[in-house]
Amino acid sequence: MSVLKSKKQNLKDIEFYAHMNNAISLIKKWRESSPANEELKLMSESLVGIFFWCNTMEQEARIHEDIVSQYRDKKNRAIFKLKQIENG
């Protein structure tokens, strides 16, 4: 079972990806015009690292939400079956 994201969260994700795309594109352009600049190289690598870290955290949050949802469903089914047994 998959946990659907809210419209608000989807908009926040789009905003994040747009900002990251703008920043990475700018740094790429600057690096192409100044390939020997070590600070730009470090900034580029750092930004990519931040992007992957954020992506990993998002995936872990979704997995966590999915696991919690599965446990909640199992608990609710067990309670429902117990009530059916009690009511005969």
PDB file of N, CA and C in Angstrom:
ATOM      1  N   MET A   1       0.843  -1.174   0.000  1.00  0.00           N
ATOM      2  CA  MET A   1       0.000   0.000   0.000  1.00  0.00           C
ATOM      3  C   MET A   1       0.890   1.241   0.000  1.00  0.00           C
ATOM      4  N   SER A   2       0.582   2.179  -0.833  1.00  0.00           N
ATOM      5  CA  SER A   2       1.399   3.373  -0.962  1.00  0.00           C
ATOM      6  C   SER A   2       0.710   4.554  -0.286  1.00  0.00           C
ATOM      7  N   VAL A   3       1.495   5.367   0.363  1.00  0.00           N
ATOM      8  CA  VAL A   3       0.963   6.555   1.003  1.00  0.00           C
ATOM      9  C   VAL A   3       0.988   7.693  -0.011  1.00  0.00           C
ATOM     10  N   LEU A   4      -0.169   8.283  -0.265  1.00  0.00           N
ATOM     11  CA  LEU A   4      -0.242   9.384  -1.220  1.00  0.00           C
ATOM     12  C   LEU A   4       0.182  10.677  -0.549  1.00  0.00           C
ATOM     13  N   LYS A   5       0.906  11.491  -1.273  1.00  0.00           N
ATOM     14  CA  LYS A   5       1.354  12.757  -0.736  1.00  0.00           C
ATOM     15  C   LYS A   5       0.267  13.808  -0.919  1.00  0.00           C
ATOM     16  N   SER A   6       0.241  14.752   0.000  1.00  0.00           N
ATOM     17  CA  SER A   6      -0.747  15.822  -0.093  1.00  0.00           C
ATOM     18  C   SER A   6      -0.368  16.788  -1.216  1.00  0.00           C
ATOM     19  N   LYS A   7      -1.352  17.560  -1.650  1.00  0.00           N
ATOM     20  CA  LYS A   7      -1.093  18.559  -2.688  1.00  0.00           C
ATOM     21  C   LYS A   7      -0.066  19.570  -2.201  1.00  0.00           C
ATOM     22  N   LYS A   8      -0.151  19.930  -0.918  1.00  0.00           N
ATOM     23  CA  LYS A   8       0.791  20.885  -0.347  1.00  0.00           C
ATOM     24  C   LYS A   8       2.211  20.323  -0.412  1.00  0.00           C
ATOM     25  N   GLN A   9       2.380  19.052  -0.066  1.00  0.00           N
ATOM     26  CA  GLN A   9       3.709  18.445  -0.104  1.00  0.00           C
ATOM     27  C   GLN A   9       4.218  18.334  -1.542  1.00  0.00           C
ATOM     28  N   ASN A  10       3.327  18.002  -2.475  1.00  0.00           N
ATOM     29  CA  ASN A  10       3.726  17.944  -3.885  1.00  0.00           C
ATOM     30  C   ASN A  10       4.218  19.305  -4.369  1.00  0.00           C
ATOM     31  N   LEU A  11       3.525  20.372  -3.965  1.00  0.00           N
ATOM     32  CA  LEU A  11       3.947  21.719  -4.356  1.00  0.00           C
ATOM     33  C   LEU A  11       5.302  22.068  -3.739  1.00  0.00           C
ATOM     34  N   LYS A  12       5.505  21.674  -2.479  1.00  0.00           N
ATOM     35  CA  LYS A  12       6.793  21.911  -1.824  1.00  0.00           C
ATOM     36  C   LYS A  12       7.911  21.148  -2.546  1.00  0.00           C
ATOM     37  N   ASP A  13       7.626  19.923  -2.964  1.00  0.00           N
ATOM     38  CA  ASP A  13       8.619  19.129  -3.700  1.00  0.00           C
ATOM     39  C   ASP A  13       8.973  19.803  -5.024  1.00  0.00           C
ATOM     40  N   ILE A  14       7.964  20.266  -5.740  1.00  0.00           N
ATOM     41  CA  ILE A  14       8.204  20.949  -7.016  1.00  0.00           C
ATOM     42  C   ILE A  14       9.047  22.202  -6.791  1.00  0.00           C
ATOM     43  N   GLU A  15       8.733  22.938  -5.737  1.00  0.00           N
ATOM     44  CA  GLU A  15       9.497  24.138  -5.408  1.00  0.00           C
ATOM     45  C   GLU A  15      10.960  23.781  -5.108  1.00  0.00           C
ATOM     46  N   PHE A  16      11.174  22.726  -4.318  1.00  0.00           N
ATOM     47  CA  PHE A  16      12.529  22.285  -3.987  1.00  0.00           C
ATOM     48  C   PHE A  16      13.294  21.906  -5.249  1.00  0.00           C
ATOM     49  N   TYR A  17      12.679  21.089  -6.108  1.00  0.00           N
ATOM     50  CA  TYR A  17      13.358  20.659  -7.328  1.00  0.00           C
ATOM     51  C   TYR A  17      13.645  21.836  -8.255  1.00  0.00           C
ATOM     52  N   ALA A  18      12.759  22.813  -8.304  1.00  0.00           N
ATOM     53  CA  ALA A  18      12.985  24.001  -9.137  1.00  0.00           C
ATOM     54  C   ALA A  18      14.180  24.798  -8.616  1.00  0.00           C
ATOM     55  N   HIS A  19      14.246  24.983  -7.296  1.00  0.00           N
ATOM     56  CA  HIS A  19      15.372  25.705  -6.707  1.00  0.00           C
ATOM     57  C   HIS A  19      16.688  24.964  -6.944  1.00  0.00           C
ATOM     58  N   MET A  20      16.673  23.657  -6.752  1.00  0.00           N
ATOM     59  CA  MET A  20      17.888  22.867  -6.962  1.00  0.00           C
ATOM     60  C   MET A  20      18.311  22.934  -8.432  1.00  0.00           C
ATOM     61  N   ASN A  21      17.346  22.837  -9.326  1.00  0.00           N
ATOM     62  CA  ASN A  21      17.656  22.899 -10.756  1.00  0.00           C
ATOM     63  C   ASN A  21      18.286  24.241 -11.108  1.00  0.00           C
ATOM     64  N   ASN A  22      17.717  25.332 -10.582  1.00  0.00           N
ATOM     65  CA  ASN A  22      18.281  26.661 -10.852  1.00  0.00           C
ATOM     66  C   ASN A  22      19.706  26.773 -10.325  1.00  0.00           C
ATOM     67  N   ALA A  23      19.923  26.328  -9.089  1.00  0.00           N
ATOM     68  CA  ALA A  23      21.249  26.443  -8.477  1.00  0.00           C
ATOM     69  C   ALA A  23      22.276  25.591  -9.222  1.00  0.00           C
ATOM     70  N   ILE A  24      21.913  24.358  -9.529  1.00  0.00           N
ATOM     71  CA  ILE A  24      22.847  23.469 -10.230  1.00  0.00           C
ATOM     72  C   ILE A  24      23.138  23.993 -11.636  1.00  0.00           C
ATOM     73  N   SER A  25      22.128  24.513 -12.314  1.00  0.00           N
ATOM     74  CA  SER A  25      22.339  25.066 -13.656  1.00  0.00           C
ATOM     75  C   SER A  25      23.281  26.266 -13.633  1.00  0.00           C
ATOM     76  N   LEU A  26      23.098  27.144 -12.644  1.00  0.00           N
ATOM     77  CA  LEU A  26      23.985  28.303 -12.529  1.00  0.00           C
ATOM     78  C   LEU A  26      25.422  27.877 -12.261  1.00  0.00           C
ATOM     79  N   ILE A  27      25.602  26.958 -11.339  1.00  0.00           N
ATOM     80  CA  ILE A  27      26.956  26.517 -11.014  1.00  0.00           C
ATOM     81  C   ILE A  27      27.589  25.816 -12.212  1.00  0.00           C
ATOM     82  N   LYS A  28      26.787  25.038 -12.932  1.00  0.00           N
ATOM     83  CA  LYS A  28      27.315  24.372 -14.134  1.00  0.00           C
ATOM     84  C   LYS A  28      27.801  25.409 -15.146  1.00  0.00           C
ATOM     85  N   LYS A  29      27.016  26.466 -15.357  1.00  0.00           N
ATOM     86  CA  LYS A  29      27.391  27.529 -16.295  1.00  0.00           C
ATOM     87  C   LYS A  29      28.673  28.221 -15.835  1.00  0.00           C
ATOM     88  N   TRP A  30      28.763  28.508 -14.533  1.00  0.00           N
ATOM     89  CA  TRP A  30      29.954  29.168 -14.003  1.00  0.00           C
ATOM     90  C   TRP A  30      31.187  28.271 -14.117  1.00  0.00           C
ATOM     91  N   ARG A  31      30.990  26.976 -13.879  1.00  0.00           N
ATOM     92  CA  ARG A  31      32.128  26.045 -13.978  1.00  0.00           C
ATOM     93  C   ARG A  31      32.616  25.919 -15.415  1.00  0.00           C
ATOM     94  N   GLU A  32      31.683  25.952 -16.360  1.00  0.00           N
ATOM     95  CA  GLU A  32      32.085  25.879 -17.776  1.00  0.00           C
ATOM     96  C   GLU A  32      32.902  27.105 -18.178  1.00  0.00           C
ATOM     97  N   SER A  33      32.572  28.264 -17.585  1.00  0.00           N
ATOM     98  CA  SER A  33      33.323  29.473 -17.929  1.00  0.00           C
ATOM     99  C   SER A  33      34.611  29.598 -17.111  1.00  0.00           C
ATOM    100  N   SER A  34      34.713  28.846 -16.031  1.00  0.00           N
ATOM    101  CA  SER A  34      35.916  28.905 -15.196  1.00  0.00           C
ATOM    102  C   SER A  34      36.211  27.506 -14.639  1.00  0.00           C
ATOM    103  N   PRO A  35      36.621  26.572 -15.505  1.00  0.00           N
ATOM    104  CA  PRO A  35      36.778  25.171 -15.092  1.00  0.00           C
ATOM    105  C   PRO A  35      37.863  24.932 -14.029  1.00  0.00           C
ATOM    106  N   ALA A  36      38.803  25.835 -13.872  1.00  0.00           N
ATOM    107  CA  ALA A  36      39.873  25.634 -12.894  1.00  0.00           C
ATOM    108  C   ALA A  36      39.505  26.124 -11.491  1.00  0.00           C
ATOM    109  N   ASN A  37      38.323  26.739 -11.355  1.00  0.00           N
ATOM    110  CA  ASN A  37      37.927  27.296 -10.065  1.00  0.00           C
ATOM    111  C   ASN A  37      37.545  26.174  -9.095  1.00  0.00           C
ATOM    112  N   GLU A  38      38.396  25.952  -8.114  1.00  0.00           N
ATOM    113  CA  GLU A  38      38.186  24.866  -7.153  1.00  0.00           C
ATOM    114  C   GLU A  38      36.990  25.119  -6.237  1.00  0.00           C
ATOM    115  N   GLU A  39      36.719  26.384  -5.939  1.00  0.00           N
ATOM    116  CA  GLU A  39      35.577  26.706  -5.084  1.00  0.00           C
ATOM    117  C   GLU A  39      34.262  26.352  -5.783  1.00  0.00           C
ATOM    118  N   LEU A  40      34.176  26.628  -7.073  1.00  0.00           N
ATOM    119  CA  LEU A  40      32.967  26.263  -7.814  1.00  0.00           C
ATOM    120  C   LEU A  40      32.820  24.749  -7.902  1.00  0.00           C
ATOM    121  N   LYS A  41      33.949  24.060  -8.056  1.00  0.00           N
ATOM    122  CA  LYS A  41      33.908  22.600  -8.079  1.00  0.00           C
ATOM    123  C   LYS A  41      33.392  22.071  -6.753  1.00  0.00           C
ATOM    124  N   LEU A  42      33.896  22.615  -5.647  1.00  0.00           N
ATOM    125  CA  LEU A  42      33.444  22.202  -4.322  1.00  0.00           C
ATOM    126  C   LEU A  42      31.961  22.525  -4.126  1.00  0.00           C
ATOM    127  N   MET A  43      31.550  23.722  -4.571  1.00  0.00           N
ATOM    128  CA  MET A  43      30.142  24.116  -4.448  1.00  0.00           C
ATOM    129  C   MET A  43      29.254  23.166  -5.238  1.00  0.00           C
ATOM    130  N   SER A  44      29.679  22.805  -6.433  1.00  0.00           N
ATOM    131  CA  SER A  44      28.919  21.885  -7.278  1.00  0.00           C
ATOM    132  C   SER A  44      28.768  20.526  -6.603  1.00  0.00           C
ATOM    133  N   GLU A  45      29.873  20.000  -6.105  1.00  0.00           N
ATOM    134  CA  GLU A  45      29.839  18.702  -5.433  1.00  0.00           C
ATOM    135  C   GLU A  45      28.985  18.757  -4.172  1.00  0.00           C
ATOM    136  N   SER A  46      29.080  19.858  -3.428  1.00  0.00           N
ATOM    137  CA  SER A  46      28.293  20.012  -2.206  1.00  0.00           C
ATOM    138  C   SER A  46      26.798  20.073  -2.511  1.00  0.00           C
ATOM    139  N   LEU A  47      26.443  20.810  -3.541  1.00  0.00           N
ATOM    140  CA  LEU A  47      25.038  20.943  -3.910  1.00  0.00           C
ATOM    141  C   LEU A  47      24.458  19.601  -4.348  1.00  0.00           C
ATOM    142  N   VAL A  48      25.222  18.842  -5.113  1.00  0.00           N
ATOM    143  CA  VAL A  48      24.769  17.510  -5.525  1.00  0.00           C
ATOM    144  C   VAL A  48      24.618  16.618  -4.292  1.00  0.00           C
ATOM    145  N   GLY A  49      25.564  16.725  -3.353  1.00  0.00           N
ATOM    146  CA  GLY A  49      25.468  15.951  -2.111  1.00  0.00           C
ATOM    147  C   GLY A  49      24.226  16.309  -1.316  1.00  0.00           C
ATOM    148  N   ILE A  50      23.915  17.597  -1.226  1.00  0.00           N
ATOM    149  CA  ILE A  50      22.707  18.052  -0.524  1.00  0.00           C
ATOM    150  C   ILE A  50      21.466  17.499  -1.207  1.00  0.00           C
ATOM    151  N   PHE A  51      21.460  17.537  -2.533  1.00  0.00           N
ATOM    152  CA  PHE A  51      20.311  17.026  -3.272  1.00  0.00           C
ATOM    153  C   PHE A  51      20.080  15.544  -2.962  1.00  0.00           C
ATOM    154  N   PHE A  52      21.156  14.749  -3.025  1.00  0.00           N
ATOM    155  CA  PHE A  52      21.002  13.313  -2.764  1.00  0.00           C
ATOM    156  C   PHE A  52      20.614  13.045  -1.321  1.00  0.00           C
ATOM    157  N   TRP A  53      21.121  13.836  -0.383  1.00  0.00           N
ATOM    158  CA  TRP A  53      20.739  13.666   1.014  1.00  0.00           C
ATOM    159  C   TRP A  53      19.246  13.931   1.186  1.00  0.00           C
ATOM    160  N   CYS A  54      18.763  15.024   0.616  1.00  0.00           N
ATOM    161  CA  CYS A  54      17.329  15.351   0.706  1.00  0.00           C
ATOM    162  C   CYS A  54      16.480  14.251   0.077  1.00  0.00           C
ATOM    163  N   ASN A  55      16.927  13.761  -1.065  1.00  0.00           N
ATOM    164  CA  ASN A  55      16.184  12.706  -1.747  1.00  0.00           C
ATOM    165  C   ASN A  55      16.130  11.446  -0.895  1.00  0.00           C
ATOM    166  N   THR A  56      17.240  11.096  -0.254  1.00  0.00           N
ATOM    167  CA  THR A  56      17.282   9.927   0.622  1.00  0.00           C
ATOM    168  C   THR A  56      16.345  10.103   1.808  1.00  0.00           C
ATOM    169  N   MET A  57      16.344  11.285   2.415  1.00  0.00           N
ATOM    170  CA  MET A  57      15.461  11.542   3.558  1.00  0.00           C
ATOM    171  C   MET A  57      13.996  11.429   3.145  1.00  0.00           C
ATOM    172  N   GLU A  58      13.680  11.926   1.975  1.00  0.00           N
ATOM    173  CA  GLU A  58      12.305  11.836   1.474  1.00  0.00           C
ATOM    174  C   GLU A  58      11.902  10.375   1.274  1.00  0.00           C
ATOM    175  N   GLN A  59      12.785   9.590   0.681  1.00  0.00           N
ATOM    176  CA  GLN A  59      12.487   8.172   0.472  1.00  0.00           C
ATOM    177  C   GLN A  59      12.308   7.444   1.795  1.00  0.00           C
ATOM    178  N   GLU A  60      13.169   7.726   2.764  1.00  0.00           N
ATOM    179  CA  GLU A  60      13.055   7.086   4.066  1.00  0.00           C
ATOM    180  C   GLU A  60      11.758   7.477   4.764  1.00  0.00           C
ATOM    181  N   ALA A  61      11.355   8.733   4.625  1.00  0.00           N
ATOM    182  CA  ALA A  61      10.091   9.176   5.224  1.00  0.00           C
ATOM    183  C   ALA A  61       8.905   8.440   4.597  1.00  0.00           C
ATOM    184  N   ARG A  62       8.939   8.278   3.277  1.00  0.00           N
ATOM    185  CA  ARG A  62       7.853   7.547   2.603  1.00  0.00           C
ATOM    186  C   ARG A  62       7.816   6.090   3.041  1.00  0.00           C
ATOM    187  N   ILE A  63       8.981   5.474   3.149  1.00  0.00           N
ATOM    188  CA  ILE A  63       9.032   4.076   3.594  1.00  0.00           C
ATOM    189  C   ILE A  63       8.470   3.974   5.007  1.00  0.00           C
ATOM    190  N   HIS A  64       8.863   4.898   5.873  1.00  0.00           N
ATOM    191  CA  HIS A  64       8.360   4.902   7.253  1.00  0.00           C
ATOM    192  C   HIS A  64       6.843   5.054   7.275  1.00  0.00           C
ATOM    193  N   GLU A  65       6.328   6.010   6.514  1.00  0.00           N
ATOM    194  CA  GLU A  65       4.880   6.227   6.464  1.00  0.00           C
ATOM    195  C   GLU A  65       4.162   4.985   5.947  1.00  0.00           C
ATOM    196  N   ASP A  66       4.751   4.328   4.959  1.00  0.00           N
ATOM    197  CA  ASP A  66       4.156   3.120   4.394  1.00  0.00           C
ATOM    198  C   ASP A  66       4.121   1.997   5.428  1.00  0.00           C
ATOM    199  N   ILE A  67       5.205   1.823   6.172  1.00  0.00           N
ATOM    200  CA  ILE A  67       5.252   0.780   7.205  1.00  0.00           C
ATOM    201  C   ILE A  67       4.234   1.063   8.299  1.00  0.00           C
ATOM    202  N   VAL A  68       4.160   2.318   8.746  1.00  0.00           N
ATOM    203  CA  VAL A  68       3.185   2.689   9.774  1.00  0.00           C
ATOM    204  C   VAL A  68       1.763   2.420   9.273  1.00  0.00           C
ATOM    205  N   SER A  69       1.502   2.759   8.028  1.00  0.00           N
ATOM    206  CA  SER A  69       0.187   2.533   7.440  1.00  0.00           C
ATOM    207  C   SER A  69      -0.150   1.043   7.386  1.00  0.00           C
ATOM    208  N   GLN A  70       0.826   0.218   7.025  1.00  0.00           N
ATOM    209  CA  GLN A  70       0.600  -1.228   6.975  1.00  0.00           C
ATOM    210  C   GLN A  70       0.285  -1.777   8.359  1.00  0.00           C
ATOM    211  N   TYR A  71       1.054  -1.349   9.369  1.00  0.00           N
ATOM    212  CA  TYR A  71       0.788  -1.804  10.731  1.00  0.00           C
ATOM    213  C   TYR A  71      -0.589  -1.343  11.210  1.00  0.00           C
ATOM    214  N   ARG A  72      -0.959  -0.109  10.873  1.00  0.00           N
ATOM    215  CA  ARG A  72      -2.263   0.412  11.263  1.00  0.00           C
ATOM    216  C   ARG A  72      -3.386  -0.413  10.612  1.00  0.00           C
ATOM    217  N   ASP A  73      -3.211  -0.744   9.339  1.00  0.00           N
ATOM    218  CA  ASP A  73      -4.207  -1.566   8.646  1.00  0.00           C
ATOM    219  C   ASP A  73      -4.336  -2.944   9.282  1.00  0.00           C
ATOM    220  N   LYS A  74      -3.203  -3.571   9.612  1.00  0.00           N
ATOM    221  CA  LYS A  74      -3.229  -4.882  10.254  1.00  0.00           C
ATOM    222  C   LYS A  74      -3.929  -4.807  11.605  1.00  0.00           C
ATOM    223  N   LYS A  75      -3.625  -3.776  12.377  1.00  0.00           N
ATOM    224  CA  LYS A  75      -4.258  -3.595  13.683  1.00  0.00           C
ATOM    225  C   LYS A  75      -5.761  -3.421  13.524  1.00  0.00           C
ATOM    226  N   ASN A  76      -6.171  -2.589  12.580  1.00  0.00           N
ATOM    227  CA  ASN A  76      -7.604  -2.348  12.371  1.00  0.00           C
ATOM    228  C   ASN A  76      -8.330  -3.609  11.914  1.00  0.00           C
ATOM    229  N   ARG A  77      -7.675  -4.414  11.046  1.00  0.00           N
ATOM    230  CA  ARG A  77      -8.293  -5.673  10.626  1.00  0.00           C
ATOM    231  C   ARG A  77      -8.424  -6.642  11.803  1.00  0.00           C
ATOM    232  N   ALA A  78      -7.414  -6.674  12.659  1.00  0.00           N
ATOM    233  CA  ALA A  78      -7.454  -7.558  13.823  1.00  0.00           C
ATOM    234  C   ALA A  78      -8.573  -7.130  14.775  1.00  0.00           C
ATOM    235  N   ILE A  79      -8.713  -5.830  14.989  1.00  0.00           N
ATOM    236  CA  ILE A  79      -9.789  -5.328  15.856  1.00  0.00           C
ATOM    237  C   ILE A  79     -11.146  -5.653  15.253  1.00  0.00           C
ATOM    238  N   PHE A  80     -11.288  -5.488  13.945  1.00  0.00           N
ATOM    239  CA  PHE A  80     -12.542  -5.794  13.270  1.00  0.00           C
ATOM    240  C   PHE A  80     -12.893  -7.273  13.415  1.00  0.00           C
ATOM    241  N   LYS A  81     -11.907  -8.158  13.204  1.00  0.00           N
ATOM    242  CA  LYS A  81     -12.145  -9.601  13.353  1.00  0.00           C
ATOM    243  C   LYS A  81     -12.522  -9.944  14.783  1.00  0.00           C
ATOM    244  N   LEU A  82     -11.853  -9.323  15.750  1.00  0.00           N
ATOM    245  CA  LEU A  82     -12.170  -9.568  17.152  1.00  0.00           C
ATOM    246  C   LEU A  82     -13.599  -9.144  17.467  1.00  0.00           C
ATOM    247  N   LYS A  83     -14.040  -8.022  16.962  1.00  0.00           N
ATOM    248  CA  LYS A  83     -15.420  -7.569  17.191  1.00  0.00           C
ATOM    249  C   LYS A  83     -16.414  -8.515  16.541  1.00  0.00           C
ATOM    250  N   GLN A  84     -16.061  -9.035  15.354  1.00  0.00           N
ATOM    251  CA  GLN A  84     -16.940  -9.994  14.703  1.00  0.00           C
ATOM    252  C   GLN A  84     -17.064 -11.267  15.546  1.00  0.00           C
ATOM    253  N   ILE A  85     -15.963 -11.727  16.105  1.00  0.00           N
ATOM    254  CA  ILE A  85     -15.966 -12.925  16.949  1.00  0.00           C
ATOM    255  C   ILE A  85     -16.789 -12.673  18.211  1.00  0.00           C
ATOM    256  N   GLU A  86     -16.593 -11.513  18.823  1.00  0.00           N
ATOM    257  CA  GLU A  86     -17.320 -11.173  20.048  1.00  0.00           C
ATOM    258  C   GLU A  86     -18.816 -11.060  19.791  1.00  0.00           C
ATOM    259  N   ASN A  87     -19.198 -10.563  18.631  1.00  0.00           N
ATOM    260  CA  ASN A  87     -20.628 -10.387  18.316  1.00  0.00           C
ATOM    261  C   ASN A  87     -21.251 -11.652  17.756  1.00  0.00           C
ATOM    262  N   GLY A  88     -20.440 -12.662  17.562  1.00  0.00           N
ATOM    263  CA  GLY A  88     -20.912 -13.970  17.161  1.00  0.00           C
ATOM    264  C   GLY A  88     -21.342 -14.035  15.758  1.00  0.00           C
TER     265      GLY A  88
END
